[in-house]
Amino acid sequence: MAIKTHKVEQLIMAAVAFFWCFLLWFSSAAFVPTIASQFDLSVKGVALLASSAIWTAPIARPLAGWAADKFGAPRAFVLILVTCGGFSILSAHAATLGPAIGVSEYQFLFWTRVIVATAGISFVVGIQHVAQWFESEEMGTAQGLYAGTGNVGAGVGALLLPRIYGLDYQTAFTHLGIVAFVIAAWILIRGVSAKSVEQAAMAKKTATFRDTAFVWTRHAAIALMFAYAMCFGL
């Protein structure tokens, strides 16, 4: 039996998931001074920790877009939220889990946070989801609302997390992970891939290497890639 839903509900769902994924992504940056002080990191170590948040995004975002087409955006969102939320909780227990598997506390914290940072790939999942629900004449507004709401998560992390949790990044990481599980459950229950079965099937059908290569070799697509790289870099 099909779930009765509306495009506005799906837009809100995508925006909330994107918001929380970006909050997860940038939560490490909010506590870099605390972590650097606790582990006595050098300037090089701080730079490595700060830059690690972006390592996986260039590789994983195309895969996330493919997964959204192939399996539906709701399933892709659930996978991202559960994985990143789980590793966020694990990172909060680095002091005990690291030595238990034979690595230092900081090494465990660092690499679990690298995995948490893959939450940044959620952007393309929501873009695909909104495109599957809104008509062309509504697309700009819908995408703007989605992206604008989601990107707030980056600022909220830097602005509020240290004020709410102080220096206690372990509790912050745990709470962020728990809420990620709650949002994932909501999406699993209420998320619908597209406004019609036919549209979802069409997206799945075109999720092939050949179609992806075709898009990547279009002049317009290449220009947009470079434009986005410059905007994001700035």
Protein backbone atom coordinates (compact mmCIF):
# COMPACT_ATOMS: atom_id res chain seq x y z
CA MET A 1 0.00 0.00 0.00
CA ALA A 2 1.41 3.36 -1.06
CA ILE A 3 2.06 5.98 1.60
CA LYS A 4 -0.09 9.10 1.26
CA THR A 5 2.25 12.05 1.21
CA HIS A 6 2.74 15.47 -0.33
CA LYS A 7 5.63 17.18 -2.02
CA VAL A 8 5.87 19.71 0.83
CA GLU A 9 6.35 16.90 3.34
CA GLN A 10 9.08 15.41 1.17
CA LEU A 11 10.75 18.83 0.84
CA ILE A 12 10.70 19.32 4.62
CA MET A 13 12.05 15.81 5.12
CA ALA A 14 14.92 16.40 2.70
CA ALA A 15 15.73 19.80 4.24
CA VAL A 16 15.77 18.42 7.81
CA ALA A 17 17.96 15.49 6.80
CA PHE A 18 20.34 17.80 4.94
CA PHE A 19 20.41 20.23 7.87
CA TRP A 20 21.32 17.48 10.32
CA CYS A 21 23.91 15.96 8.02
CA PHE A 22 25.63 19.32 7.69
CA LEU A 23 25.43 19.79 11.44
CA LEU A 24 27.16 16.42 11.81
CA TRP A 25 29.70 17.36 9.15
CA PHE A 26 30.71 20.66 10.73
CA SER A 27 30.46 19.58 14.36
CA SER A 28 34.13 18.58 14.31
CA ALA A 29 35.18 22.10 13.32
CA ALA A 30 33.25 23.58 16.24
CA PHE A 31 35.45 21.65 18.69
CA VAL A 32 38.82 21.82 16.91
CA PRO A 33 40.28 24.23 19.54
CA THR A 34 39.20 21.89 22.34
CA ILE A 35 40.51 18.77 20.62
CA ALA A 36 43.76 20.52 19.66
CA SER A 37 44.32 21.58 23.26
CA GLN A 38 43.42 18.19 24.72
CA PHE A 39 45.80 16.29 22.44
CA ASP A 40 48.43 19.03 22.21
CA LEU A 41 48.28 19.19 18.41
CA SER A 42 50.80 21.19 16.42
CA VAL A 43 49.76 23.70 13.77
CA LYS A 44 50.27 20.94 11.19
CA GLY A 45 48.09 18.59 13.22
CA VAL A 46 45.32 21.17 13.50
CA ALA A 47 45.46 21.80 9.73
CA LEU A 48 45.25 18.05 9.08
CA LEU A 49 42.27 17.69 11.41
CA ALA A 50 40.45 20.68 9.91
CA SER A 51 41.05 19.64 6.29
CA SER A 52 40.02 16.01 6.86
CA ALA A 53 36.36 17.03 6.80
CA ILE A 54 36.50 17.47 3.03
CA TRP A 55 38.59 14.43 2.04
CA THR A 56 35.73 12.07 1.22
CA ALA A 57 33.26 14.51 -0.36
CA PRO A 58 34.73 14.79 -3.90
CA ILE A 59 34.81 11.00 -4.30
CA ALA A 60 31.63 10.09 -2.45
CA ARG A 61 29.24 12.74 -3.77
CA PRO A 62 28.99 11.23 -7.28
CA LEU A 63 28.36 7.85 -5.64
CA ALA A 64 25.66 9.41 -3.45
CA GLY A 65 23.95 10.87 -6.50
CA TRP A 66 24.05 7.51 -8.24
CA ALA A 67 22.64 5.79 -5.15
CA ALA A 68 19.80 8.32 -4.94
CA ASP A 69 18.82 7.52 -8.54
CA LYS A 70 19.30 3.77 -8.20
CA PHE A 71 17.73 3.12 -4.81
CA GLY A 72 15.81 6.32 -4.09
CA ALA A 73 16.83 9.37 -2.08
CA PRO A 74 15.11 8.25 1.15
CA ARG A 75 17.19 5.07 1.32
CA ALA A 76 20.35 7.03 0.53
CA PHE A 77 19.54 9.54 3.29
CA VAL A 78 18.88 6.72 5.78
CA LEU A 79 22.22 5.08 4.96
CA ILE A 80 24.11 8.35 5.39
CA LEU A 81 22.36 9.30 8.63
CA VAL A 82 22.74 5.87 10.24
CA THR A 83 26.39 5.50 9.21
CA CYS A 84 27.48 9.00 10.16
CA GLY A 85 25.33 9.07 13.28
CA GLY A 86 26.75 5.74 14.39
CA PHE A 87 30.34 6.84 13.90
CA SER A 88 29.58 10.13 15.65
CA ILE A 89 28.57 8.14 18.73
CA LEU A 90 31.63 5.89 18.38
CA SER A 91 33.90 8.94 18.17
CA ALA A 92 32.53 10.15 21.49
CA HIS A 93 33.91 7.00 23.13
CA ALA A 94 37.39 7.20 21.62
CA ALA A 95 39.01 7.14 25.06
CA THR A 96 37.84 3.58 25.67
CA LEU A 97 37.32 2.15 22.19
CA GLY A 98 40.65 3.30 20.74
CA PRO A 99 42.92 1.47 23.20
CA ALA A 100 40.56 -1.51 23.11
CA ILE A 101 41.38 -2.12 19.43
CA GLY A 102 45.04 -1.21 19.75
CA VAL A 103 45.12 2.41 18.54
CA SER A 104 45.52 5.65 20.41
CA GLU A 105 42.54 7.67 21.54
CA TYR A 106 43.34 10.44 19.07
CA GLN A 107 43.78 8.09 16.11
CA PHE A 108 40.39 6.54 16.80
CA LEU A 109 38.79 9.97 17.18
CA PHE A 110 40.41 11.29 14.00
CA TRP A 111 39.40 8.45 11.70
CA THR A 112 35.88 8.11 13.05
CA ARG A 113 35.41 11.84 12.46
CA VAL A 114 36.65 11.42 8.89
CA ILE A 115 33.80 8.94 8.37
CA VAL A 116 31.32 11.28 10.07
CA ALA A 117 32.41 13.98 7.61
CA THR A 118 30.99 11.94 4.73
CA ALA A 119 27.65 13.40 5.87
CA GLY A 120 28.53 16.24 3.50
CA ILE A 121 27.59 14.05 0.54
CA SER A 122 23.93 14.35 1.59
CA PHE A 123 23.61 17.58 -0.39
CA VAL A 124 23.27 15.81 -3.73
CA VAL A 125 20.80 13.29 -2.34
CA GLY A 126 18.35 16.01 -1.38
CA ILE A 127 18.84 17.80 -4.69
CA GLN A 128 17.79 14.63 -6.48
CA HIS A 129 14.85 14.08 -4.13
CA VAL A 130 13.45 17.58 -4.62
CA ALA A 131 13.83 17.22 -8.39
CA GLN A 132 11.73 14.06 -8.26
CA TRP A 133 8.84 15.83 -6.54
CA PHE A 134 8.57 19.34 -7.98
CA GLU A 135 7.65 20.62 -11.44
CA SER A 136 10.12 22.63 -13.48
CA GLU A 137 8.37 25.94 -12.75
CA GLU A 138 8.69 25.28 -9.00
CA MET A 139 12.18 23.81 -9.04
CA GLY A 140 14.20 26.95 -8.32
CA THR A 141 12.15 27.90 -5.28
CA ALA A 142 12.04 24.35 -3.95
CA GLN A 143 15.78 23.82 -4.39
CA GLY A 144 16.50 27.20 -2.81
CA LEU A 145 14.39 26.37 0.24
CA TYR A 146 16.04 22.96 0.52
CA ALA A 147 19.62 24.14 0.13
CA GLY A 148 19.16 27.28 2.22
CA THR A 149 17.69 25.38 5.15
CA GLY A 150 20.26 22.62 4.98
CA ASN A 151 23.27 24.90 4.81
CA VAL A 152 22.18 26.55 8.03
CA GLY A 153 23.40 23.40 9.74
CA ALA A 154 27.00 24.41 9.10
CA GLY A 155 26.55 27.75 10.84
CA VAL A 156 24.51 26.32 13.69
CA GLY A 157 27.31 23.91 14.49
CA ALA A 158 29.89 26.65 14.84
CA LEU A 159 27.55 29.07 16.59
CA LEU A 160 25.63 26.93 19.06
CA LEU A 161 27.42 23.64 19.80
CA PRO A 162 30.25 25.19 21.87
CA ARG A 163 27.72 27.38 23.67
CA ILE A 164 25.45 24.45 24.50
CA TYR A 165 28.10 21.85 25.32
CA GLY A 166 31.08 23.98 26.27
CA LEU A 167 34.20 21.79 26.02
CA ASP A 168 32.25 18.53 26.26
CA TYR A 169 32.47 17.45 22.63
CA GLN A 170 31.88 13.81 23.59
CA THR A 171 28.32 14.50 24.73
CA ALA A 172 27.70 16.70 21.70
CA PHE A 173 28.82 13.95 19.30
CA THR A 174 26.64 11.40 21.10
CA HIS A 175 23.51 13.55 21.00
CA LEU A 176 24.04 14.41 17.32
CA GLY A 177 24.28 10.72 16.49
CA ILE A 178 21.12 9.82 18.41
CA VAL A 179 19.07 12.50 16.65
CA ALA A 180 20.47 11.28 13.30
CA PHE A 181 18.96 7.85 14.07
CA VAL A 182 15.59 9.46 14.85
CA ILE A 183 15.56 11.39 11.57
CA ALA A 184 16.61 8.26 9.68
CA ALA A 185 13.64 6.37 11.19
CA TRP A 186 11.28 9.15 10.13
CA ILE A 187 12.58 9.06 6.56
CA LEU A 188 12.45 5.27 6.45
CA ILE A 189 8.77 5.38 7.40
CA ARG A 190 7.59 8.44 5.46
CA GLY A 191 10.10 8.88 2.64
CA VAL A 192 8.93 8.24 -0.93
CA SER A 193 11.43 8.26 -3.79
CA ALA A 194 9.35 10.18 -6.32
CA LYS A 195 5.85 11.49 -6.99
CA SER A 196 5.14 8.50 -9.22
CA VAL A 197 6.35 4.94 -9.56
CA GLU A 198 7.14 5.61 -13.22
CA GLN A 199 9.38 8.57 -12.39
CA ALA A 200 11.30 6.59 -9.78
CA ALA A 201 11.74 3.74 -12.27
CA MET A 202 13.05 6.14 -14.92
CA ALA A 203 15.68 7.51 -12.52
CA LYS A 204 16.73 3.98 -11.62
CA LYS A 205 16.95 3.00 -15.28
CA THR A 206 19.33 5.85 -16.12
CA ALA A 207 21.62 5.25 -13.12
CA THR A 208 24.35 3.67 -15.25
CA PHE A 209 28.01 4.40 -15.90
CA ARG A 210 27.20 5.27 -19.51
CA ASP A 211 24.66 7.93 -18.58
CA THR A 212 26.95 9.32 -15.89
CA ALA A 213 29.85 9.56 -18.35
CA PHE A 214 27.56 11.28 -20.84
CA VAL A 215 26.66 13.98 -18.29
CA TRP A 216 30.25 14.49 -17.18
CA THR A 217 31.40 15.11 -20.75
CA ARG A 218 28.88 17.86 -21.52
CA HIS A 219 30.38 21.34 -21.74
CA ALA A 220 27.67 22.83 -19.53
CA ALA A 221 28.24 20.20 -16.85
CA ILE A 222 32.01 20.77 -16.88
CA ALA A 223 31.51 24.53 -16.60
CA LEU A 224 29.13 24.07 -13.66
CA MET A 225 31.62 21.75 -11.95
CA PHE A 226 34.35 24.38 -12.13
CA ALA A 227 31.95 27.13 -11.04
CA TYR A 228 30.89 25.11 -8.01
CA ALA A 229 34.51 24.28 -7.18
CA MET A 230 35.40 27.98 -7.18
CA CYS A 231 32.34 29.00 -5.12
CA PHE A 232 32.88 26.24 -2.57
CA GLY A 233 36.60 26.98 -2.41
CA LEU A 234 36.03 30.65 -1.79
